Structures are given as structure tokens and as C-alpha cells.
Amino acid sequence: MDFAGRMIYNDKGEEVINFGKYKGRLVTEVLKLDPGYYSWIMNGDFPLNTKKMLTEIRLRDFNSK
């Protein structure tokens, strides 16, 4: 899904984390369970595309409420 493969789609077409302690978990689920995760990615050494995709998912989830 992102160029670096840090986030991918699962069999249901949902975005999931593809690395680290949250590997295999839904991105939206991780953002709800661990609010600091977003900041960690944004402040970390991750590609701009990964940060952009994560932000889009976060905003989409926030705006759907």
C-alpha cells in the first residue's frame, strides 16, 4: 500500500501494519489503541509516502465519525 511496504492490504482490503509489534493489526485499530503511534511514525525515520498514507487513513477514520 505504501511504497516501503510498512502498510499493506489484508485479504479483506483493509489497511494493516506490516512491521514491528503491531504487524498484522488494522491501522485504524492501532491508531485508536495507541494514540502515540501516529506521532512516533511522523517523528521517525519513515518515508514521506508512509507518513502521507498514515495521515490519510487517520483523517478518513476521524472524518467518518
C-alpha atoms as a PDB file:
ATOM      1  CA  MET A   1       0.000   0.000   0.000  1.00  0.00           C
ATOM      2  CA  ASP A   2       2.765   2.450   0.844  1.00  0.00           C
ATOM      3  CA  PHE A   3       5.948   2.340  -1.220  1.00  0.00           C
ATOM      4  CA  ALA A   4       8.061   0.969   1.640  1.00  0.00           C
ATOM      5  CA  GLY A   5       5.611  -1.832   2.421  1.00  0.00           C
ATOM      6  CA  ARG A   6       5.125  -0.657   6.007  1.00  0.00           C
ATOM      7  CA  MET A   7       1.359  -0.840   5.477  1.00  0.00           C
ATOM      8  CA  ILE A   8      -0.399  -3.360   3.263  1.00  0.00           C
ATOM      9  CA  TYR A   9      -3.928  -4.512   2.466  1.00  0.00           C
ATOM     10  CA  ASN A  10      -5.198  -7.715   4.054  1.00  0.00           C
ATOM     11  CA  ASP A  11      -7.470 -10.236   2.321  1.00  0.00           C
ATOM     12  CA  LYS A  12     -10.488  -8.055   3.113  1.00  0.00           C
ATOM     13  CA  GLY A  13      -8.922  -4.936   1.563  1.00  0.00           C
ATOM     14  CA  GLU A  14      -8.272  -3.332   4.955  1.00  0.00           C
ATOM     15  CA  GLU A  15      -5.060  -1.447   5.729  1.00  0.00           C
ATOM     16  CA  VAL A  16      -2.786  -3.284   8.161  1.00  0.00           C
ATOM     17  CA  ILE A  17       0.599  -2.578   9.716  1.00  0.00           C
ATOM     18  CA  ASN A  18       3.293  -4.773   8.161  1.00  0.00           C
ATOM     19  CA  PHE A  19       6.171  -4.396  10.660  1.00  0.00           C
ATOM     20  CA  GLY A  20       7.024  -4.271  14.338  1.00  0.00           C
ATOM     21  CA  LYS A  21       4.894  -5.041  17.353  1.00  0.00           C
ATOM     22  CA  TYR A  22       1.647  -4.202  15.544  1.00  0.00           C
ATOM     23  CA  LYS A  23       2.330  -6.327  12.477  1.00  0.00           C
ATOM     24  CA  GLY A  24      -0.934  -7.737  11.138  1.00  0.00           C
ATOM     25  CA  ARG A  25      -3.133  -5.290  13.089  1.00  0.00           C
ATOM     26  CA  LEU A  26      -5.530  -2.886  11.390  1.00  0.00           C
ATOM     27  CA  VAL A  27      -4.078   0.610  11.048  1.00  0.00           C
ATOM     28  CA  THR A  28      -7.280   2.195  12.382  1.00  0.00           C
ATOM     29  CA  GLU A  29      -7.243  -0.166  15.372  1.00  0.00           C
ATOM     30  CA  VAL A  30      -3.622   0.677  16.211  1.00  0.00           C
ATOM     31  CA  LEU A  31      -4.284   4.416  15.968  1.00  0.00           C
ATOM     32  CA  LYS A  32      -7.164   4.058  18.449  1.00  0.00           C
ATOM     33  CA  LEU A  33      -5.319   1.762  20.879  1.00  0.00           C
ATOM     34  CA  ASP A  34      -2.020   3.653  20.822  1.00  0.00           C
ATOM     35  CA  PRO A  35      -2.524   7.370  20.027  1.00  0.00           C
ATOM     36  CA  GLY A  36       1.227   7.977  20.343  1.00  0.00           C
ATOM     37  CA  TYR A  37       1.914   5.613  17.440  1.00  0.00           C
ATOM     38  CA  TYR A  38       0.962   8.288  14.904  1.00  0.00           C
ATOM     39  CA  SER A  39       3.422  10.772  16.427  1.00  0.00           C
ATOM     40  CA  TRP A  40       6.121   8.112  16.582  1.00  0.00           C
ATOM     41  CA  ILE A  41       5.781   7.475  12.842  1.00  0.00           C
ATOM     42  CA  MET A  42       5.574  11.186  11.991  1.00  0.00           C
ATOM     43  CA  ASN A  43       8.702  11.999  14.004  1.00  0.00           C
ATOM     44  CA  GLY A  44      10.586   8.863  12.999  1.00  0.00           C
ATOM     45  CA  ASP A  45      12.797   7.982  10.068  1.00  0.00           C
ATOM     46  CA  PHE A  46       9.995   6.763   7.819  1.00  0.00           C
ATOM     47  CA  PRO A  47       9.482   7.609   4.147  1.00  0.00           C
ATOM     48  CA  LEU A  48       7.278  10.602   3.361  1.00  0.00           C
ATOM     49  CA  ASN A  49       4.897   8.314   1.463  1.00  0.00           C
ATOM     50  CA  THR A  50       4.365   6.177   4.569  1.00  0.00           C
ATOM     51  CA  LYS A  51       3.610   9.276   6.635  1.00  0.00           C
ATOM     52  CA  LYS A  52       1.234  10.579   3.977  1.00  0.00           C
ATOM     53  CA  MET A  53      -0.692   7.308   3.759  1.00  0.00           C
ATOM     54  CA  LEU A  54      -0.956   7.041   7.549  1.00  0.00           C
ATOM     55  CA  THR A  55      -2.252  10.611   7.737  1.00  0.00           C
ATOM     56  CA  GLU A  56      -4.849   9.901   5.043  1.00  0.00           C
ATOM     57  CA  ILE A  57      -6.103   6.850   6.951  1.00  0.00           C
ATOM     58  CA  ARG A  58      -6.196   8.790  10.213  1.00  0.00           C
ATOM     59  CA  LEU A  59      -8.129  11.684   8.680  1.00  0.00           C
ATOM     60  CA  ARG A  60     -10.518   9.363   6.855  1.00  0.00           C
ATOM     61  CA  ASP A  61     -11.268   7.497  10.070  1.00  0.00           C
ATOM     62  CA  PHE A  62     -11.668  10.746  12.035  1.00  0.00           C
ATOM     63  CA  ASN A  63     -13.973  12.295   9.415  1.00  0.00           C
ATOM     64  CA  SER A  64     -16.168   9.207   9.246  1.00  0.00           C
ATOM     65  CA  LYS A  65     -17.295   9.705  12.852  1.00  0.00           C
END
